[in-house]
Amino acid sequence: MQKPALYSLLLAALLIFAGPLYAGDTDILDLKPPMSTPGKTMDEPDLKEGEFDGYGVIDQITAQEVVIDDAYYRLSGSTTYKYMNGSSASADNFPVGTRVWFMLYTDNIIESVWKEGG
């Protein structure tokens, strides 16, 4: 096969197989965390509609913000920290690597953060 024909064939294959990879008009900054648990494991409780807005593992946390599974959220002065049994906790009980569930005030401000134990 001659080089121009080979290049044309490779270009055609690239265009055919790259189509499904195109993200279209999706703005990655507008993506929301998953709101359900289709692949949940045995140690993760079901997220019933209205109970929690999301869950994940804390990647980073400060007094004003938290990153959970690569999604950024703000923490307000009134954000509460709780165990799943309902007892209160402090922010110090939520270090990096902790699996948490959370409820939101708005799109990216967390109202309460929950974890197993207590």
N, C-alpha and C. Protein backbone atom coordinates (compact mmCIF):
# COMPACT_ATOMS: atom_id res chain seq x y z
N MET A 1 0.85 -1.17 0.00
CA MET A 1 0.00 0.00 0.00
C MET A 1 0.90 1.24 0.00
N GLN A 2 0.55 2.22 -0.78
CA GLN A 2 1.35 3.43 -0.88
C GLN A 2 1.09 4.31 0.35
N LYS A 3 2.05 5.17 0.69
CA LYS A 3 1.95 6.01 1.88
C LYS A 3 0.72 6.92 1.87
N PRO A 4 0.40 7.63 0.77
CA PRO A 4 -0.79 8.48 0.80
C PRO A 4 -2.07 7.68 1.09
N ALA A 5 -2.19 6.50 0.54
CA ALA A 5 -3.37 5.68 0.78
C ALA A 5 -3.41 5.21 2.24
N LEU A 6 -2.25 4.86 2.79
CA LEU A 6 -2.17 4.44 4.18
C LEU A 6 -2.56 5.58 5.11
N TYR A 7 -2.06 6.78 4.85
CA TYR A 7 -2.41 7.95 5.65
C TYR A 7 -3.90 8.24 5.56
N SER A 8 -4.47 8.11 4.38
CA SER A 8 -5.91 8.35 4.22
C SER A 8 -6.71 7.32 5.01
N LEU A 9 -6.28 6.08 4.99
CA LEU A 9 -6.96 5.03 5.73
C LEU A 9 -6.86 5.28 7.23
N LEU A 10 -5.69 5.67 7.70
CA LEU A 10 -5.53 5.97 9.13
C LEU A 10 -6.37 7.16 9.55
N LEU A 11 -6.44 8.19 8.72
CA LEU A 11 -7.25 9.37 9.02
C LEU A 11 -8.72 8.99 9.08
N ALA A 12 -9.18 8.20 8.14
CA ALA A 12 -10.58 7.77 8.14
C ALA A 12 -10.90 6.96 9.39
N ALA A 13 -10.01 6.06 9.79
CA ALA A 13 -10.23 5.26 11.00
C ALA A 13 -10.26 6.15 12.23
N LEU A 14 -9.39 7.13 12.29
CA LEU A 14 -9.36 8.06 13.42
C LEU A 14 -10.67 8.82 13.52
N LEU A 15 -11.16 9.32 12.42
CA LEU A 15 -12.41 10.07 12.43
C LEU A 15 -13.60 9.20 12.82
N ILE A 16 -13.61 7.97 12.36
CA ILE A 16 -14.72 7.06 12.69
C ILE A 16 -14.73 6.71 14.17
N PHE A 17 -13.55 6.37 14.72
CA PHE A 17 -13.50 5.92 16.10
C PHE A 17 -13.41 7.06 17.11
N ALA A 18 -13.05 8.25 16.69
CA ALA A 18 -12.97 9.37 17.62
C ALA A 18 -14.33 10.01 17.85
N GLY A 19 -15.28 9.79 16.96
CA GLY A 19 -16.61 10.38 17.10
C GLY A 19 -17.26 10.10 18.44
N PRO A 20 -17.30 8.84 18.91
CA PRO A 20 -17.93 8.57 20.21
C PRO A 20 -17.20 9.20 21.39
N LEU A 21 -15.97 9.61 21.21
CA LEU A 21 -15.22 10.23 22.30
C LEU A 21 -15.51 11.72 22.43
N TYR A 22 -16.17 12.30 21.44
CA TYR A 22 -16.46 13.73 21.45
C TYR A 22 -17.45 14.05 22.56
N ALA A 23 -17.15 15.05 23.38
CA ALA A 23 -18.00 15.40 24.52
C ALA A 23 -19.08 16.40 24.17
N GLY A 24 -19.09 16.91 22.97
CA GLY A 24 -20.13 17.85 22.56
C GLY A 24 -20.05 19.15 23.33
N ASP A 25 -21.19 19.64 23.76
CA ASP A 25 -21.27 20.93 24.45
C ASP A 25 -21.19 20.78 25.96
N THR A 26 -20.72 19.66 26.46
CA THR A 26 -20.63 19.44 27.89
C THR A 26 -19.53 20.32 28.48
N ASP A 27 -19.90 21.09 29.49
CA ASP A 27 -18.94 21.92 30.21
C ASP A 27 -18.57 21.17 31.48
N ILE A 28 -17.33 20.73 31.60
CA ILE A 28 -16.95 19.90 32.75
C ILE A 28 -17.12 20.64 34.07
N LEU A 29 -17.14 21.98 34.04
CA LEU A 29 -17.34 22.72 35.28
C LEU A 29 -18.78 22.65 35.75
N ASP A 30 -19.72 22.28 34.87
CA ASP A 30 -21.13 22.17 35.24
C ASP A 30 -21.52 20.77 35.64
N LEU A 31 -20.60 19.81 35.58
CA LEU A 31 -20.93 18.43 35.93
C LEU A 31 -21.22 18.33 37.42
N LYS A 32 -22.22 17.58 37.77
CA LYS A 32 -22.62 17.39 39.16
C LYS A 32 -22.17 16.01 39.63
N PRO A 33 -21.96 15.84 40.93
CA PRO A 33 -21.60 14.52 41.42
C PRO A 33 -22.77 13.55 41.24
N PRO A 34 -22.50 12.27 41.21
CA PRO A 34 -23.59 11.31 41.05
C PRO A 34 -24.55 11.39 42.22
N MET A 35 -25.83 11.28 41.95
CA MET A 35 -26.85 11.41 43.00
C MET A 35 -27.46 10.06 43.36
N SER A 36 -26.95 9.00 42.80
CA SER A 36 -27.46 7.69 43.15
C SER A 36 -26.28 6.73 43.25
N THR A 37 -26.56 5.52 43.64
CA THR A 37 -25.48 4.58 43.87
C THR A 37 -25.69 3.31 43.06
N PRO A 38 -25.61 3.41 41.71
CA PRO A 38 -25.85 2.21 40.92
C PRO A 38 -24.85 1.10 41.18
N GLY A 39 -23.61 1.40 41.54
CA GLY A 39 -22.61 0.37 41.77
C GLY A 39 -22.22 0.28 43.22
N LYS A 40 -23.16 0.50 44.13
CA LYS A 40 -22.82 0.55 45.55
C LYS A 40 -22.29 -0.78 46.05
N THR A 41 -21.45 -0.69 47.07
CA THR A 41 -20.93 -1.90 47.69
C THR A 41 -21.74 -2.18 48.95
N MET A 42 -21.46 -3.29 49.59
CA MET A 42 -22.24 -3.69 50.75
C MET A 42 -22.13 -2.72 51.92
N ASP A 43 -20.99 -1.99 52.04
CA ASP A 43 -20.83 -1.09 53.18
C ASP A 43 -21.37 0.30 52.92
N GLU A 44 -21.98 0.55 51.77
CA GLU A 44 -22.56 1.84 51.47
C GLU A 44 -24.07 1.76 51.57
N PRO A 45 -24.69 2.61 52.40
CA PRO A 45 -26.15 2.57 52.48
C PRO A 45 -26.76 3.12 51.20
N ASP A 46 -28.00 2.73 50.92
CA ASP A 46 -28.70 3.27 49.76
C ASP A 46 -28.93 4.76 49.95
N LEU A 47 -28.77 5.52 48.88
CA LEU A 47 -29.11 6.94 48.91
C LEU A 47 -30.56 7.06 48.46
N LYS A 48 -31.45 7.20 49.42
CA LYS A 48 -32.85 7.36 49.07
C LYS A 48 -33.06 8.81 48.62
N GLU A 49 -33.95 8.99 47.67
CA GLU A 49 -34.19 10.32 47.14
C GLU A 49 -34.59 11.26 48.28
N GLY A 50 -33.92 12.40 48.36
CA GLY A 50 -34.20 13.37 49.40
C GLY A 50 -33.42 13.16 50.68
N GLU A 51 -32.80 11.99 50.84
CA GLU A 51 -32.05 11.73 52.08
C GLU A 51 -30.66 12.37 52.03
N PHE A 52 -29.89 12.08 50.98
CA PHE A 52 -28.58 12.68 50.78
C PHE A 52 -28.48 13.17 49.35
N ASP A 53 -27.64 14.17 49.16
CA ASP A 53 -27.43 14.69 47.81
C ASP A 53 -26.25 14.03 47.11
N GLY A 54 -25.39 13.38 47.87
CA GLY A 54 -24.25 12.71 47.25
C GLY A 54 -23.38 12.05 48.29
N TYR A 55 -22.37 11.36 47.82
CA TYR A 55 -21.41 10.70 48.70
C TYR A 55 -20.08 10.57 47.98
N GLY A 56 -19.04 10.28 48.74
CA GLY A 56 -17.73 10.07 48.16
C GLY A 56 -16.67 10.07 49.23
N VAL A 57 -15.42 10.16 48.79
CA VAL A 57 -14.28 10.16 49.70
C VAL A 57 -13.67 11.55 49.70
N ILE A 58 -13.34 12.06 50.88
CA ILE A 58 -12.74 13.39 51.01
C ILE A 58 -11.33 13.36 50.43
N ASP A 59 -11.10 14.21 49.42
CA ASP A 59 -9.77 14.35 48.82
C ASP A 59 -8.97 15.45 49.51
N GLN A 60 -9.63 16.56 49.84
CA GLN A 60 -9.02 17.70 50.53
C GLN A 60 -10.09 18.33 51.40
N ILE A 61 -9.68 18.93 52.53
CA ILE A 61 -10.65 19.62 53.37
C ILE A 61 -9.96 20.74 54.14
N THR A 62 -10.63 21.89 54.21
CA THR A 62 -10.21 23.02 55.04
C THR A 62 -11.46 23.48 55.79
N ALA A 63 -11.34 24.54 56.57
CA ALA A 63 -12.49 25.06 57.30
C ALA A 63 -13.55 25.65 56.37
N GLN A 64 -13.16 26.07 55.16
CA GLN A 64 -14.09 26.74 54.24
C GLN A 64 -14.49 25.90 53.03
N GLU A 65 -13.77 24.81 52.74
CA GLU A 65 -14.07 24.06 51.52
C GLU A 65 -13.65 22.61 51.66
N VAL A 66 -14.23 21.80 50.78
CA VAL A 66 -13.91 20.38 50.76
C VAL A 66 -13.97 19.89 49.31
N VAL A 67 -13.11 18.95 48.98
CA VAL A 67 -13.14 18.29 47.68
C VAL A 67 -13.49 16.83 47.95
N ILE A 68 -14.62 16.39 47.37
CA ILE A 68 -15.11 15.02 47.55
C ILE A 68 -15.15 14.37 46.18
N ASP A 69 -14.38 13.31 46.01
CA ASP A 69 -14.30 12.62 44.71
C ASP A 69 -14.07 13.62 43.57
N ASP A 70 -13.11 14.50 43.74
CA ASP A 70 -12.70 15.49 42.74
C ASP A 70 -13.74 16.56 42.46
N ALA A 71 -14.77 16.67 43.27
CA ALA A 71 -15.78 17.73 43.12
C ALA A 71 -15.62 18.73 44.26
N TYR A 72 -15.59 20.02 43.92
CA TYR A 72 -15.37 21.09 44.90
C TYR A 72 -16.69 21.52 45.52
N TYR A 73 -16.69 21.69 46.86
CA TYR A 73 -17.85 22.20 47.59
C TYR A 73 -17.36 23.21 48.61
N ARG A 74 -18.22 24.16 48.93
CA ARG A 74 -17.92 25.11 50.00
C ARG A 74 -18.59 24.64 51.29
N LEU A 75 -17.96 24.96 52.41
CA LEU A 75 -18.53 24.68 53.72
C LEU A 75 -18.91 26.02 54.34
N SER A 76 -20.08 26.10 54.95
CA SER A 76 -20.48 27.34 55.60
C SER A 76 -20.15 27.24 57.09
N GLY A 77 -20.29 28.34 57.79
CA GLY A 77 -20.06 28.34 59.24
C GLY A 77 -21.07 27.48 59.97
N SER A 78 -22.20 27.19 59.31
CA SER A 78 -23.24 26.39 59.95
C SER A 78 -23.27 24.95 59.45
N THR A 79 -22.29 24.53 58.67
CA THR A 79 -22.22 23.13 58.23
C THR A 79 -22.11 22.24 59.45
N THR A 80 -22.93 21.19 59.50
CA THR A 80 -22.88 20.27 60.63
C THR A 80 -22.19 18.98 60.22
N TYR A 81 -21.57 18.34 61.18
CA TYR A 81 -20.84 17.09 60.99
C TYR A 81 -21.51 16.04 61.87
N LYS A 82 -21.89 14.91 61.28
CA LYS A 82 -22.64 13.91 62.03
C LYS A 82 -22.20 12.50 61.67
N TYR A 83 -22.49 11.59 62.60
CA TYR A 83 -22.35 10.17 62.34
C TYR A 83 -23.69 9.65 61.83
N MET A 84 -23.67 8.52 61.13
CA MET A 84 -24.90 7.96 60.57
C MET A 84 -25.94 7.61 61.64
N ASN A 85 -25.50 7.39 62.88
CA ASN A 85 -26.47 7.11 63.94
C ASN A 85 -27.13 8.37 64.47
N GLY A 86 -26.75 9.54 63.91
CA GLY A 86 -27.38 10.81 64.29
C GLY A 86 -26.60 11.62 65.31
N SER A 87 -25.59 11.04 65.93
CA SER A 87 -24.83 11.79 66.93
C SER A 87 -23.92 12.81 66.25
N SER A 88 -23.66 13.88 66.96
CA SER A 88 -22.84 14.97 66.43
C SER A 88 -21.36 14.60 66.42
N ALA A 89 -20.65 15.21 65.50
CA ALA A 89 -19.21 15.03 65.38
C ALA A 89 -18.60 16.40 65.13
N SER A 90 -17.29 16.45 65.09
CA SER A 90 -16.61 17.71 64.75
C SER A 90 -15.90 17.54 63.42
N ALA A 91 -15.50 18.65 62.84
CA ALA A 91 -14.80 18.62 61.56
C ALA A 91 -13.52 17.79 61.65
N ASP A 92 -12.92 17.76 62.84
CA ASP A 92 -11.68 16.98 63.04
C ASP A 92 -11.90 15.48 62.82
N ASN A 93 -13.15 15.02 62.92
CA ASN A 93 -13.46 13.61 62.71
C ASN A 93 -13.60 13.25 61.23
N PHE A 94 -13.31 14.21 60.33
CA PHE A 94 -13.49 14.01 58.90
C PHE A 94 -12.20 14.32 58.14
N PRO A 95 -11.15 13.51 58.34
CA PRO A 95 -9.88 13.75 57.65
C PRO A 95 -9.93 13.29 56.19
N VAL A 96 -8.89 13.63 55.45
CA VAL A 96 -8.74 13.17 54.07
C VAL A 96 -8.82 11.64 54.06
N GLY A 97 -9.55 11.10 53.09
CA GLY A 97 -9.70 9.66 52.96
C GLY A 97 -10.96 9.11 53.58
N THR A 98 -11.73 9.96 54.29
CA THR A 98 -12.96 9.52 54.93
C THR A 98 -14.09 9.41 53.91
N ARG A 99 -14.84 8.30 53.92
CA ARG A 99 -16.03 8.16 53.07
C ARG A 99 -17.16 8.91 53.75
N VAL A 100 -17.79 9.83 53.02
CA VAL A 100 -18.84 10.67 53.58
C VAL A 100 -20.07 10.71 52.68
N TRP A 101 -21.16 11.08 53.28
CA TRP A 101 -22.42 11.37 52.59
C TRP A 101 -22.75 12.80 52.96
N PHE A 102 -23.42 13.54 52.07
CA PHE A 102 -23.66 14.94 52.37
C PHE A 102 -24.99 15.43 51.83
N MET A 103 -25.46 16.53 52.46
CA MET A 103 -26.65 17.24 52.00
C MET A 103 -26.22 18.66 51.66
N LEU A 104 -26.84 19.24 50.64
CA LEU A 104 -26.47 20.56 50.15
C LEU A 104 -27.52 21.61 50.48
N TYR A 105 -27.04 22.87 50.75
CA TYR A 105 -27.94 24.03 50.80
C TYR A 105 -28.31 24.39 49.36
N THR A 106 -27.28 24.56 48.56
CA THR A 106 -27.43 24.93 47.15
C THR A 106 -26.52 24.02 46.34
N ASP A 107 -26.28 24.37 45.10
CA ASP A 107 -25.49 23.52 44.21
C ASP A 107 -24.15 23.09 44.78
N ASN A 108 -23.43 23.99 45.45
CA ASN A 108 -22.11 23.57 45.92
C ASN A 108 -21.79 23.99 47.35
N ILE A 109 -22.80 24.30 48.14
CA ILE A 109 -22.58 24.62 49.56
C ILE A 109 -23.16 23.49 50.40
N ILE A 110 -22.31 22.86 51.20
CA ILE A 110 -22.73 21.70 52.00
C ILE A 110 -23.40 22.14 53.29
N GLU A 111 -24.57 21.55 53.55
CA GLU A 111 -25.32 21.80 54.78
C GLU A 111 -24.86 20.87 55.89
N SER A 112 -24.70 19.57 55.56
CA SER A 112 -24.26 18.61 56.57
C SER A 112 -23.45 17.50 55.92
N VAL A 113 -22.50 16.99 56.70
CA VAL A 113 -21.62 15.90 56.25
C VAL A 113 -21.78 14.76 57.25
N TRP A 114 -21.90 13.54 56.73
CA TRP A 114 -22.17 12.37 57.55
C TRP A 114 -21.14 11.28 57.26
N LYS A 115 -20.86 10.46 58.29
CA LYS A 115 -19.98 9.32 58.09
C LYS A 115 -20.41 8.18 59.00
N GLU A 116 -19.90 6.99 58.68
CA GLU A 116 -20.20 5.80 59.50
C GLU A 116 -19.60 5.96 60.89
N GLY A 117 -20.11 5.21 61.82
CA GLY A 117 -19.55 5.20 63.17
C GLY A 117 -20.37 6.02 64.14
N GLY A 118 -19.74 6.35 65.24
CA GLY A 118 -20.42 7.15 66.23
C GLY A 118 -20.48 6.43 67.48
